[in-house]
Structures are given as C-alpha cells and as structure tokens.
Amino acid sequence: MSTFLSAELYSGALAAVGFCFGLLIGSFLNVVILRFPQQLYRRWSVESQDILGIENKATEESAVTLAWPASRCPKCGTRVRPWHNIPVLSYLFLKGRCASCSASISAQYPLVELLTATIIALLAYFYGATATTFYSVILACCLIALAGIDLKERLLPDQITLPLLWLGLFANINGVFAPLPDAVLGAIAGYLSLWGIYWLFKLITGKEGMGYGDFKLLAALGAWLGWELLPLVIVLSSAAGAIVGVLMIIIGGKDRNLQIPFGPFLSTAGWIALIWGDNMITWYLSAFTF
C-alpha cells in the first residue's frame, strides 16, 4: 500500500512540475503561432522580389523573429511588462485587456498555455521521467503549434512538419512508440493516403480538398505512431472535421464551400492516438469481434 501511495505521489509531483513547465512552453508556443508565419511571409516576399528583380526595401532591423521585438499591444504599441506576461495569471489579473489602452486580449493566449500545460502534465503522469515523455512532449508541442498556425493562417509549415517526421523515425529506432519498420511504413502510408484522396477529389470535383501540408503532417504522425494507428487517426480527424463543418453550416450559417483547416483535427487525433490509441483499438475489437 505504501509503495502504491509513493508511486502516486511521485507521479502527481511530476504532473505538477510538468504543468508549471507547460505554462511556460505554452507562452512560447503563442509566440511561434503568431510570429513564425510572419517570418515565412517576409522570407517568401524577399525571395520573390529577388527572382523578379524588384528592389527589396526591407531591412534586417525590420525583420520579426521569435525573440525580437519584445511583445507589444497590437493596438496601442505599448510594450508588455514582464509582470503582465505571466502565463494565464496576467490574463486573469488584467481581465483579458491591455493594461495601457484596455484593448481586448485574444483568449488564444491563456487557452494555448492551459492546453500545453495540461497535456505535458498528463504525459508526465502517464510516462514518468522517461524518454517516452521527452519525445511525447516534443510531439505535443509541435502539434499545438501546427494546429494554431493552421487555424490562423491555413498553413502547415514544412519547417515543422518535415523535422517532426524525421524525429519520429529517430525516436522509433529503438521502438519508443512503434517498431522502426512500422514507423517507416506509417510515414509512407500517411503521405500517400491523403495524397491519393486529394487527387481523387480533384479529379471528381476539379477542386483542391486539402493542402500538401496535411499529407506531410499525417506522414509525420505515421512515423511516430506506426502504420497500425493511422486508420484511427484518419477516422477521428475526418469525423471531427465533418461534425464541425456541418455545425458551422447549420448553426453558423456558413457557406458549403467554406474551407476548414484540417491540421487541427489531424493534430488532435494524433495526440489521442498516441495516448489512448492501443486501448481504443483493443476496445473496438473486443466489442465488435464475435
């Protein structure tokens, strides 16, 4: 009994530390979601101007990076003080408004911080101080960043999806999440499955149903989870996307041609499959196999 209590206290302590650490990581992910697309757009603009022979008037001083400039209110431009930048607490203390001009602060900031903290706490509780936790935290943070960027910009950057794919294969050299052959097959199957659906949809309708970033994200998830969990990821993400799309049409009055980013659904389904995928498949087989 005492051993069980000690294990529970140890897991609880790790979860508490993970939650506090996750709040800080979530604050950083908010910066990534906001600024990384700006960096990409600026780079693409400069490259396009160089190709077209157009004079580029942008300077290095005007470039936005993840570390510069310091956080400012988008409305009044006032620099955010360190004590106004404490994850979640500052948002609650300021009642969701800028301390200088009282402009509304997006709820994205505390939501991403709380989501990241909760996920990292769960991973620490389930897996303890192990390599599995280390890799899982990296995967979860990348998925949160990708989901946020896709929601805001309809973009899944190669700079995140491709390294995530290779890291998944590296993690599975020793079978942390799946045997390496299953991970390689998962990466191939993940890409080709959505690639095939994309071209089939385009041949039938003449329209593009999704972007190439979705192919690469599912390939990355396949590299992490192995090919056996890919059907679960596809079913969960497709079902969630369909439900949200129908609700937006019926309740929100949106047009049927509304483009809904698929990245957030893939990211959510991938994380669910990572934690509960094997249990979900076991339950399904036991419930529907006679």
Protein backbone atom coordinates (compact mmCIF):
# COMPACT_ATOMS: atom_id res chain seq x y z
CA MET A 1 0.00 0.00 0.00
CA SER A 2 2.79 2.40 0.93
CA THR A 3 4.57 1.59 -2.35
CA PHE A 4 1.41 2.41 -4.28
CA LEU A 5 1.00 5.72 -2.45
CA SER A 6 4.62 6.61 -3.04
CA ALA A 7 4.24 5.91 -6.76
CA GLU A 8 1.08 8.01 -6.90
CA LEU A 9 2.75 10.90 -5.07
CA TYR A 10 5.74 10.68 -7.40
CA SER A 11 3.50 10.71 -10.48
CA GLY A 12 1.47 13.58 -9.06
CA ALA A 13 4.61 15.60 -8.34
CA LEU A 14 5.87 15.02 -11.88
CA ALA A 15 2.50 16.09 -13.25
CA ALA A 16 2.59 19.28 -11.16
CA VAL A 17 6.08 20.13 -12.37
CA GLY A 18 5.00 19.31 -15.92
CA PHE A 19 2.00 21.62 -15.62
CA CYS A 20 4.12 24.58 -14.47
CA PHE A 21 6.70 23.86 -17.18
CA GLY A 22 3.89 23.55 -19.71
CA LEU A 23 2.59 27.03 -18.92
CA LEU A 24 5.96 28.49 -19.89
CA ILE A 25 6.18 26.35 -23.02
CA GLY A 26 2.64 27.36 -23.94
CA SER A 27 3.61 31.02 -23.70
CA PHE A 28 6.45 30.36 -26.14
CA LEU A 29 4.13 28.44 -28.48
CA ASN A 30 1.89 31.50 -28.65
CA VAL A 31 4.89 33.43 -29.96
CA VAL A 32 5.58 30.69 -32.52
CA ILE A 33 1.95 30.68 -33.70
CA LEU A 34 1.94 34.45 -34.12
CA ARG A 35 5.42 35.22 -35.42
CA PHE A 36 6.66 32.20 -37.33
CA PRO A 37 4.21 32.72 -40.22
CA GLN A 38 5.27 36.39 -40.33
CA GLN A 39 8.87 35.27 -40.71
CA LEU A 40 7.90 32.91 -43.53
CA TYR A 41 5.85 35.53 -45.37
CA ARG A 42 8.71 38.01 -45.15
CA ARG A 43 11.21 35.43 -46.43
CA TRP A 44 8.94 34.47 -49.32
CA SER A 45 8.41 38.13 -50.18
CA VAL A 46 12.16 38.80 -50.26
CA GLU A 47 12.82 35.70 -52.36
CA SER A 48 10.05 36.63 -54.80
CA GLN A 49 11.42 40.15 -55.17
CA ASP A 50 14.90 38.78 -55.83
CA ILE A 51 13.57 36.45 -58.52
CA LEU A 52 11.56 39.23 -60.17
CA GLY A 53 14.42 41.72 -59.91
CA ILE A 54 12.41 44.07 -57.69
CA GLU A 55 14.31 46.24 -55.24
CA ASN A 56 13.82 44.99 -51.72
CA LYS A 57 13.39 47.90 -49.31
CA ALA A 58 13.01 45.74 -46.21
CA THR A 59 15.88 45.90 -43.73
CA GLU A 60 17.18 43.38 -41.26
CA GLU A 61 16.17 45.74 -38.48
CA SER A 62 12.53 45.44 -39.53
CA ALA A 63 12.59 41.64 -39.52
CA VAL A 64 10.41 39.89 -36.96
CA THR A 65 11.95 36.93 -35.13
CA LEU A 66 10.74 34.72 -32.31
CA ALA A 67 12.85 36.77 -29.87
CA TRP A 68 12.55 40.28 -31.33
CA PRO A 69 10.86 42.72 -30.97
CA ALA A 70 9.56 42.48 -27.42
CA SER A 71 5.85 41.72 -27.03
CA ARG A 72 3.64 44.77 -27.56
CA CYS A 73 -0.05 45.55 -27.59
CA PRO A 74 -1.15 45.28 -31.26
CA LYS A 75 -3.46 48.28 -30.82
CA CYS A 76 -1.52 50.90 -28.85
CA GLY A 77 2.00 49.52 -29.33
CA THR A 78 2.86 49.65 -25.63
CA ARG A 79 5.49 47.14 -24.59
CA VAL A 80 4.13 44.33 -22.41
CA ARG A 81 5.75 44.46 -18.99
CA PRO A 82 7.22 41.22 -17.58
CA TRP A 83 4.66 41.14 -14.76
CA HIS A 84 1.90 41.47 -17.37
CA ASN A 85 3.28 38.48 -19.27
CA ILE A 86 2.89 35.72 -16.66
CA PRO A 87 1.08 32.77 -18.29
CA VAL A 88 -2.67 32.68 -17.54
CA LEU A 89 -2.36 34.69 -14.30
CA SER A 90 -1.67 38.00 -16.05
CA TYR A 91 -4.62 37.45 -18.39
CA LEU A 92 -6.92 36.86 -15.42
CA PHE A 93 -5.49 39.78 -13.43
CA LEU A 94 -5.91 42.17 -16.40
CA LYS A 95 -9.36 40.70 -17.12
CA GLY A 96 -8.33 39.98 -20.68
CA ARG A 97 -7.46 43.58 -21.54
CA CYS A 98 -4.35 45.62 -22.24
CA ALA A 99 -3.06 47.43 -19.16
CA SER A 100 -2.47 50.63 -21.17
CA CYS A 101 -5.38 51.00 -23.61
CA SER A 102 -7.85 48.38 -22.32
CA ALA A 103 -7.98 46.73 -25.74
CA SER A 104 -9.22 43.15 -25.65
CA ILE A 105 -6.53 40.45 -25.49
CA SER A 106 -7.16 37.31 -27.53
CA ALA A 107 -8.31 34.32 -25.49
CA GLN A 108 -5.87 32.28 -27.58
CA TYR A 109 -3.05 33.12 -25.19
CA PRO A 110 -4.40 31.57 -21.96
CA LEU A 111 -6.07 28.71 -23.88
CA VAL A 112 -2.82 27.63 -25.56
CA GLU A 113 -0.95 27.96 -22.25
CA LEU A 114 -3.52 25.87 -20.36
CA LEU A 115 -3.76 23.29 -23.14
CA THR A 116 0.02 22.86 -23.29
CA ALA A 117 0.31 22.66 -19.51
CA THR A 118 -2.47 20.08 -19.24
CA ILE A 119 -1.03 17.88 -21.98
CA ILE A 120 2.50 17.95 -20.58
CA ALA A 121 1.14 17.21 -17.08
CA LEU A 122 -0.76 14.19 -18.44
CA LEU A 123 2.30 12.92 -20.29
CA ALA A 124 4.45 13.29 -17.18
CA TYR A 125 1.84 11.45 -15.11
CA PHE A 126 1.39 8.58 -17.57
CA TYR A 127 5.03 8.03 -18.61
CA GLY A 128 7.09 9.45 -15.74
CA ALA A 129 10.66 10.69 -16.19
CA THR A 130 11.36 8.63 -19.33
CA ALA A 131 12.46 9.06 -22.92
CA THR A 132 8.84 8.47 -23.91
CA THR A 133 7.81 11.60 -22.04
CA PHE A 134 10.62 13.62 -23.60
CA TYR A 135 9.68 12.66 -27.15
CA SER A 136 5.95 12.92 -26.44
CA VAL A 137 6.32 16.48 -25.16
CA ILE A 138 8.16 17.48 -28.34
CA LEU A 139 5.44 15.89 -30.47
CA ALA A 140 2.64 17.52 -28.47
CA CYS A 141 4.24 20.99 -28.65
CA CYS A 142 4.77 20.70 -32.41
CA LEU A 143 1.15 19.59 -32.89
CA ILE A 144 -0.16 22.51 -30.85
CA ALA A 145 1.96 24.97 -32.84
CA LEU A 146 0.87 23.45 -36.15
CA ALA A 147 -2.80 23.46 -35.16
CA GLY A 148 -2.62 27.10 -34.08
CA ILE A 149 -0.81 28.21 -37.24
CA ASP A 150 -3.21 26.30 -39.48
CA LEU A 151 -6.22 27.80 -37.73
CA LYS A 152 -4.91 31.33 -38.18
CA GLU A 153 -3.09 31.13 -41.50
CA ARG A 154 -4.29 27.95 -43.28
CA LEU A 155 -0.64 26.90 -43.30
CA LEU A 156 1.32 23.86 -42.10
CA PRO A 157 4.99 24.89 -42.46
CA ASP A 158 7.48 22.37 -43.84
CA GLN A 159 9.95 23.77 -41.31
CA ILE A 160 7.93 21.99 -38.60
CA THR A 161 6.28 19.01 -40.30
CA LEU A 162 9.39 17.62 -42.01
CA PRO A 163 11.73 17.71 -38.96
CA LEU A 164 8.84 16.21 -36.97
CA LEU A 165 8.72 13.30 -39.43
CA TRP A 166 12.45 12.61 -39.15
CA LEU A 167 12.38 12.94 -35.37
CA GLY A 168 9.58 10.37 -35.23
CA LEU A 169 11.69 7.90 -37.22
CA PHE A 170 14.68 8.63 -34.99
CA ALA A 171 12.62 8.06 -31.82
CA ASN A 172 11.47 4.71 -33.17
CA ILE A 173 14.97 3.40 -33.94
CA ASN A 174 14.63 1.72 -30.55
CA GLY A 175 10.87 1.31 -30.86
CA VAL A 176 9.85 4.01 -28.38
CA PHE A 177 6.36 4.26 -29.90
CA ALA A 178 6.39 1.67 -32.70
CA PRO A 179 8.87 -0.72 -34.35
CA LEU A 180 11.01 1.10 -36.90
CA PRO A 181 9.63 -0.85 -39.92
CA ASP A 182 6.09 0.10 -38.83
CA ALA A 183 7.19 3.74 -38.46
CA VAL A 184 8.68 3.81 -41.97
CA LEU A 185 5.54 2.23 -43.42
CA GLY A 186 3.47 4.70 -41.39
CA ALA A 187 5.29 7.67 -42.90
CA ILE A 188 4.82 6.32 -46.42
CA ALA A 189 1.19 5.33 -45.89
CA GLY A 190 0.38 8.60 -44.15
CA TYR A 191 1.56 10.69 -47.06
CA LEU A 192 0.20 8.53 -49.86
CA SER A 193 -3.24 8.04 -48.30
CA LEU A 194 -4.09 11.75 -48.22
CA TRP A 195 -2.24 12.34 -51.48
CA GLY A 196 -4.50 9.76 -53.13
CA ILE A 197 -7.63 11.27 -51.59
CA TYR A 198 -6.52 14.72 -52.74
CA TRP A 199 -6.14 13.68 -56.37
CA LEU A 200 -9.29 11.58 -56.40
CA PHE A 201 -11.29 14.53 -55.04
CA LYS A 202 -9.66 16.90 -57.54
CA LEU A 203 -10.40 14.59 -60.49
CA ILE A 204 -14.06 14.29 -59.46
CA THR A 205 -14.79 17.90 -58.46
CA GLY A 206 -12.00 19.91 -60.10
CA LYS A 207 -11.26 21.45 -56.69
CA GLU A 208 -8.48 21.04 -54.15
CA GLY A 209 -9.85 19.46 -50.98
CA MET A 210 -6.73 19.91 -48.83
CA GLY A 211 -3.16 21.16 -48.91
CA TYR A 212 0.13 19.32 -49.19
CA GLY A 213 0.91 20.26 -45.60
CA ASP A 214 -1.81 17.84 -44.47
CA PHE A 215 -0.05 14.99 -46.33
CA LYS A 216 3.22 15.79 -44.58
CA LEU A 217 1.60 16.08 -41.15
CA LEU A 218 -0.09 12.68 -41.48
CA ALA A 219 3.22 11.24 -42.72
CA ALA A 220 4.88 12.64 -39.58
CA LEU A 221 2.17 11.09 -37.39
CA GLY A 222 2.70 7.79 -39.18
CA ALA A 223 6.42 7.99 -38.43
CA TRP A 224 5.66 8.47 -34.74
CA LEU A 225 2.74 6.09 -34.27
CA GLY A 226 3.34 3.42 -36.91
CA TRP A 227 1.01 2.41 -39.71
CA GLU A 228 -1.39 0.44 -37.49
CA LEU A 229 -2.74 3.58 -35.77
CA LEU A 230 -3.12 5.61 -38.96
CA PRO A 231 -6.68 4.38 -39.70
CA LEU A 232 -7.71 5.56 -36.23
CA VAL A 233 -6.13 8.98 -36.81
CA ILE A 234 -7.88 9.33 -40.17
CA VAL A 235 -11.27 8.23 -38.82
CA LEU A 236 -11.09 10.51 -35.75
CA SER A 237 -9.88 13.56 -37.66
CA SER A 238 -12.33 13.09 -40.54
CA ALA A 239 -15.29 12.56 -38.21
CA ALA A 240 -14.41 15.61 -36.12
CA GLY A 241 -13.88 17.74 -39.24
CA ALA A 242 -17.19 16.63 -40.72
CA ILE A 243 -19.09 17.37 -37.49
CA VAL A 244 -17.53 20.82 -37.14
CA GLY A 245 -18.19 21.59 -40.81
CA VAL A 246 -21.87 20.59 -40.57
CA LEU A 247 -22.34 22.60 -37.37
CA MET A 248 -20.74 25.68 -38.97
CA ILE A 249 -23.13 25.38 -41.92
CA ILE A 250 -26.28 24.71 -39.87
CA ILE A 251 -25.68 26.86 -36.80
CA GLY A 252 -23.16 29.39 -38.07
CA GLY A 253 -24.80 29.91 -41.44
CA LYS A 254 -21.51 29.39 -43.28
CA ASP A 255 -21.28 28.62 -46.98
CA ARG A 256 -20.84 24.98 -48.01
CA ASN A 257 -17.66 25.93 -49.86
CA LEU A 258 -16.09 27.18 -46.62
CA GLN A 259 -12.52 25.95 -46.26
CA ILE A 260 -11.85 24.38 -42.87
CA PRO A 261 -8.22 23.75 -41.89
CA PHE A 262 -7.64 20.03 -41.41
CA GLY A 263 -4.41 20.39 -39.44
CA PRO A 264 -6.07 20.95 -36.04
CA PHE A 265 -8.16 17.80 -36.45
CA LEU A 266 -5.16 15.73 -37.52
CA SER A 267 -3.14 17.10 -34.60
CA THR A 268 -5.87 16.32 -32.06
CA ALA A 269 -6.47 12.84 -33.46
CA GLY A 270 -2.73 12.14 -33.48
CA TRP A 271 -2.37 13.07 -29.83
CA ILE A 272 -5.39 10.97 -28.84
CA ALA A 273 -3.96 8.02 -30.77
CA LEU A 274 -0.61 8.48 -29.05
CA ILE A 275 -2.12 8.21 -25.55
CA TRP A 276 -5.19 6.01 -25.97
CA GLY A 277 -4.87 4.54 -29.48
CA ASP A 278 -3.98 0.98 -28.48
CA ASN A 279 -6.73 0.90 -25.84
CA MET A 280 -9.29 2.25 -28.31
CA ILE A 281 -8.42 -0.38 -30.91
CA THR A 282 -8.49 -3.16 -28.27
CA TRP A 283 -11.91 -1.98 -27.08
CA TYR A 284 -13.23 -1.83 -30.63
CA LEU A 285 -12.02 -5.33 -31.46
CA SER A 286 -13.44 -6.78 -28.23
CA ALA A 287 -16.78 -5.03 -28.72
CA PHE A 288 -17.36 -5.82 -32.38
CA THR A 289 -15.49 -9.07 -32.93
CA PHE A 290 -17.54 -12.18 -32.40
